């Protein structure tokens, strides 16, 4: 897609402002101060000494305003092209504001990609804990549920004992008996929900058959 002419115009104007500001500061094209020419100008008196020369606030302020306007133009163009549509978290506050977490990137990657076995135990156990109920619900025997809970608790305890650096392990262990009771309750709710769905399906099928018989008699 061809860039909007207004964007090109803003970029050209910004480059002009930057070149003019660099010349007024006595900088070279690379952005470094031209010490020789500046010293010579100060000795001849054609310019004020650097220590006494007032900062060109007008130029700096104009350049900042031009940059801000250019950025706004680019953002508005991207919005019109739909490049910000359907982004994750759109219309929601940024997560994690005000909280320092040096491992935020890897933690979010593991959580969003549902990765297992990667990263420090503090992060992998956190993901496993969040998904543990779903994992248990796929099991059909109570003994399997208890074994899975015992294995999870053992890994949490072992991770707490290791002093390998990284974030601390804050994932709690699970009360096996309480989790088994919760697993039974969820299983019973699913069974009742399935029965109710089957009852409604049978009623709807009975109604359809009754309507077909009525139309045949008519």
Protein backbone atom coordinates (compact mmCIF):
# COMPACT_ATOMS: atom_id res chain seq x y z
CA UNK A 1 0.00 0.00 0.00
CA UNK A 2 1.32 3.43 -0.96
CA UNK A 3 1.93 5.76 1.94
CA UNK A 4 -0.40 8.71 2.34
CA UNK A 5 1.14 11.88 0.82
CA UNK A 6 0.50 13.66 4.11
CA UNK A 7 2.70 11.15 5.88
CA UNK A 8 5.50 11.71 3.40
CA UNK A 9 5.11 15.48 3.81
CA UNK A 10 5.32 15.23 7.60
CA UNK A 11 8.39 13.02 7.36
CA UNK A 12 10.08 15.45 4.96
CA UNK A 13 9.34 18.38 7.25
CA UNK A 14 10.69 16.49 10.25
CA UNK A 15 13.93 15.76 8.43
CA UNK A 16 14.24 19.43 7.55
CA UNK A 17 13.68 20.46 11.16
CA UNK A 18 16.27 17.98 12.38
CA UNK A 19 18.87 19.21 9.89
CA UNK A 20 18.23 22.84 10.82
CA UNK A 21 18.37 22.06 14.52
CA UNK A 22 21.64 20.17 14.05
CA UNK A 23 23.18 23.09 12.16
CA UNK A 24 22.13 25.53 14.87
CA UNK A 25 23.69 23.30 17.50
CA UNK A 26 26.90 23.16 15.49
CA UNK A 27 26.59 19.44 14.82
CA UNK A 28 27.85 17.53 11.81
CA UNK A 29 25.70 15.35 9.60
CA UNK A 30 26.46 12.43 11.93
CA UNK A 31 25.02 14.33 14.88
CA UNK A 32 28.42 15.06 16.53
CA UNK A 33 29.54 18.54 17.48
CA UNK A 34 31.92 20.13 15.01
CA UNK A 35 34.43 21.14 17.67
CA UNK A 36 36.88 22.85 15.32
CA UNK A 37 34.41 25.15 13.62
CA UNK A 38 32.67 25.92 16.90
CA UNK A 39 35.90 26.84 18.67
CA UNK A 40 37.00 29.01 15.76
CA UNK A 41 33.70 30.82 15.69
CA UNK A 42 33.89 31.47 19.41
CA UNK A 43 37.46 32.83 19.14
CA UNK A 44 36.54 35.22 16.34
CA UNK A 45 33.49 36.35 18.22
CA UNK A 46 31.07 35.43 15.42
CA UNK A 47 29.06 33.36 17.89
CA UNK A 48 28.67 33.46 21.62
CA UNK A 49 30.65 30.99 23.73
CA UNK A 50 28.78 27.74 24.26
CA UNK A 51 28.54 28.34 28.00
CA UNK A 52 26.85 31.71 27.39
CA UNK A 53 24.74 30.76 24.38
CA UNK A 54 21.00 30.45 25.22
CA UNK A 55 19.28 27.24 24.21
CA UNK A 56 17.07 27.50 21.17
CA UNK A 57 13.88 26.54 22.93
CA UNK A 58 11.74 27.58 19.99
CA UNK A 59 13.48 25.18 17.61
CA UNK A 60 13.39 22.33 20.12
CA UNK A 61 9.74 22.95 20.89
CA UNK A 62 8.81 23.14 17.22
CA UNK A 63 10.68 19.93 16.48
CA UNK A 64 8.90 18.13 19.32
CA UNK A 65 5.53 19.40 18.09
CA UNK A 66 6.32 18.27 14.54
CA UNK A 67 7.33 14.83 15.78
CA UNK A 68 4.13 14.50 17.82
CA UNK A 69 2.03 15.55 14.82
CA UNK A 70 3.81 13.05 12.57
CA UNK A 71 3.28 10.22 15.05
CA UNK A 72 -0.42 11.12 15.33
CA UNK A 73 -0.80 11.07 11.53
CA UNK A 74 0.83 7.62 11.31
CA UNK A 75 -1.38 6.26 14.10
CA UNK A 76 -4.59 7.59 12.53
CA UNK A 77 -3.62 6.09 9.16
CA UNK A 78 -2.98 2.71 10.79
CA UNK A 79 -6.38 2.91 12.51
CA UNK A 80 -8.12 3.62 9.20
CA UNK A 81 -6.34 0.67 7.60
CA UNK A 82 -7.63 -1.55 10.39
CA UNK A 83 -4.20 -2.52 11.69
CA UNK A 84 -5.37 -2.10 15.30
CA UNK A 85 -8.61 -4.06 14.86
CA UNK A 86 -9.23 -7.15 17.00
CA UNK A 87 -5.99 -6.84 18.94
CA UNK A 88 -5.78 -8.88 22.17
CA UNK A 89 -6.86 -6.74 25.10
CA UNK A 90 -8.52 -4.05 22.96
CA UNK A 91 -10.56 -1.70 25.13
CA UNK A 92 -9.11 -3.15 28.33
CA UNK A 93 -6.52 -1.73 30.74
CA UNK A 94 -2.96 -2.89 30.24
CA UNK A 95 -2.28 -5.92 32.45
CA UNK A 96 0.46 -5.78 35.06
CA UNK A 97 0.62 -1.99 35.43
CA UNK A 98 2.33 -0.95 38.64
CA UNK A 99 3.85 -4.39 39.19
CA UNK A 100 7.49 -5.18 38.46
CA UNK A 101 7.94 -8.64 37.01
CA UNK A 102 11.27 -9.26 35.22
CA UNK A 103 9.91 -12.54 33.85
CA UNK A 104 6.67 -11.07 32.47
CA UNK A 105 7.42 -12.00 28.84
CA UNK A 106 8.18 -15.66 29.40
CA UNK A 107 5.31 -15.97 31.89
CA UNK A 108 2.81 -14.54 29.42
CA UNK A 109 4.22 -16.67 26.58
CA UNK A 110 3.82 -19.85 28.59
CA UNK A 111 0.28 -18.93 29.64
CA UNK A 112 -0.97 -17.80 26.22
CA UNK A 113 0.68 -20.60 24.22
CA UNK A 114 -0.20 -23.25 26.82
CA UNK A 115 3.39 -24.44 26.85
CA UNK A 116 4.34 -27.18 29.28
CA UNK A 117 7.73 -28.20 30.58
CA UNK A 118 9.34 -24.88 29.59
CA UNK A 119 10.65 -22.16 31.85
CA UNK A 120 11.39 -22.11 35.57
CA UNK A 121 9.18 -24.20 37.88
CA UNK A 122 7.60 -21.05 39.35
CA UNK A 123 6.01 -20.32 35.97
CA UNK A 124 5.27 -23.82 34.69
CA UNK A 125 3.62 -24.83 37.97
CA UNK A 126 1.47 -21.70 37.87
CA UNK A 127 0.17 -22.67 34.43
CA UNK A 128 -0.40 -26.28 35.48
CA UNK A 129 -2.28 -25.15 38.59
CA UNK A 130 -4.62 -23.02 36.49
CA UNK A 131 -5.38 -26.01 34.24
CA UNK A 132 -5.40 -28.71 36.91
CA UNK A 133 -9.20 -28.90 37.29
CA UNK A 134 -9.67 -29.45 33.55
CA UNK A 135 -6.99 -32.13 33.61
CA UNK A 136 -8.66 -33.92 36.53
CA UNK A 137 -12.09 -33.69 34.90
CA UNK A 138 -10.80 -35.78 31.99
CA UNK A 139 -10.07 -38.64 34.40
CA UNK A 140 -12.67 -41.31 35.16
CA UNK A 141 -11.21 -43.06 38.22
CA UNK A 142 -10.79 -41.54 41.67
CA UNK A 143 -7.46 -43.31 42.13
CA UNK A 144 -6.11 -41.56 39.03
CA UNK A 145 -7.25 -38.21 40.42
CA UNK A 146 -5.50 -38.83 43.72
CA UNK A 147 -2.30 -39.93 41.99
CA UNK A 148 -2.29 -36.80 39.83
CA UNK A 149 -2.79 -34.56 42.87
CA UNK A 150 -0.03 -36.31 44.83
CA UNK A 151 2.35 -35.93 41.90
CA UNK A 152 1.50 -32.24 41.49
CA UNK A 153 1.99 -31.53 45.21
CA UNK A 154 5.33 -33.36 45.21
CA UNK A 155 6.62 -31.22 42.36
CA UNK A 156 5.49 -28.02 44.09
CA UNK A 157 7.31 -29.00 47.29
CA UNK A 158 10.45 -29.99 45.37
CA UNK A 159 10.46 -26.70 43.47
CA UNK A 160 10.29 -24.78 46.74
CA UNK A 161 13.34 -26.64 48.05
CA UNK A 162 15.52 -25.87 45.05
CA UNK A 163 17.61 -22.71 45.24
CA UNK A 164 18.37 -22.22 41.56
CA UNK A 165 17.42 -18.57 41.33
CA UNK A 166 14.53 -17.18 39.33
CA UNK A 167 11.12 -16.13 40.62
CA UNK A 168 9.89 -17.68 43.87
CA UNK A 169 7.42 -20.57 43.76
CA UNK A 170 4.09 -19.22 45.01
CA UNK A 171 1.85 -21.98 43.64
CA UNK A 172 0.05 -23.64 46.57
CA UNK A 173 -0.26 -27.36 47.06
CA UNK A 174 -3.70 -28.92 46.80
CA UNK A 175 -5.71 -30.59 49.54
CA UNK A 176 -6.18 -34.03 48.00
CA UNK A 177 -9.41 -34.93 49.81
CA UNK A 178 -10.97 -31.53 49.10
CA UNK A 179 -9.97 -31.70 45.45
CA UNK A 180 -11.42 -35.19 45.11
CA UNK A 181 -14.71 -33.97 46.56
CA UNK A 182 -14.70 -31.05 44.13
CA UNK A 183 -13.96 -33.47 41.27
CA UNK A 184 -16.94 -35.62 42.31
CA UNK A 185 -19.20 -32.56 42.51
CA UNK A 186 -18.18 -31.35 39.05
CA UNK A 187 -18.66 -34.84 37.67
CA UNK A 188 -22.15 -35.05 39.19
CA UNK A 189 -23.08 -31.64 37.76
CA UNK A 190 -21.97 -32.77 34.32
CA UNK A 191 -24.00 -35.97 34.66
CA UNK A 192 -27.14 -34.05 35.66
CA UNK A 193 -26.60 -31.52 32.88
CA UNK A 194 -26.28 -34.35 30.35
CA UNK A 195 -29.48 -35.95 31.65
CA UNK A 196 -31.33 -32.64 31.39
CA UNK A 197 -30.07 -32.10 27.86
CA UNK A 198 -31.17 -35.62 26.90
CA UNK A 199 -34.61 -35.05 28.45
CA UNK A 200 -35.09 -31.82 26.49
CA UNK A 201 -33.94 -33.50 23.30
CA UNK A 202 -36.46 -36.32 23.84
CA UNK A 203 -39.25 -33.81 24.49
CA UNK A 204 -38.42 -31.86 21.34
CA UNK A 205 -38.35 -35.06 19.31
CA UNK A 206 -41.73 -36.09 20.78
CA UNK A 207 -43.20 -32.69 19.89
CA UNK A 208 -41.94 -32.97 16.31
CA UNK A 209 -43.51 -36.42 15.94
CA UNK A 210 -46.81 -35.17 17.36
CA UNK A 211 -46.85 -32.27 14.89
CA UNK A 212 -46.13 -34.62 11.99
CA UNK A 213 -49.05 -36.90 13.00
CA UNK A 214 -51.35 -33.87 13.28
CA UNK A 215 -50.43 -32.70 9.78
CA UNK A 216 -51.04 -36.17 8.38
CA UNK A 217 -54.52 -36.32 9.92
CA UNK A 218 -55.25 -32.84 8.55
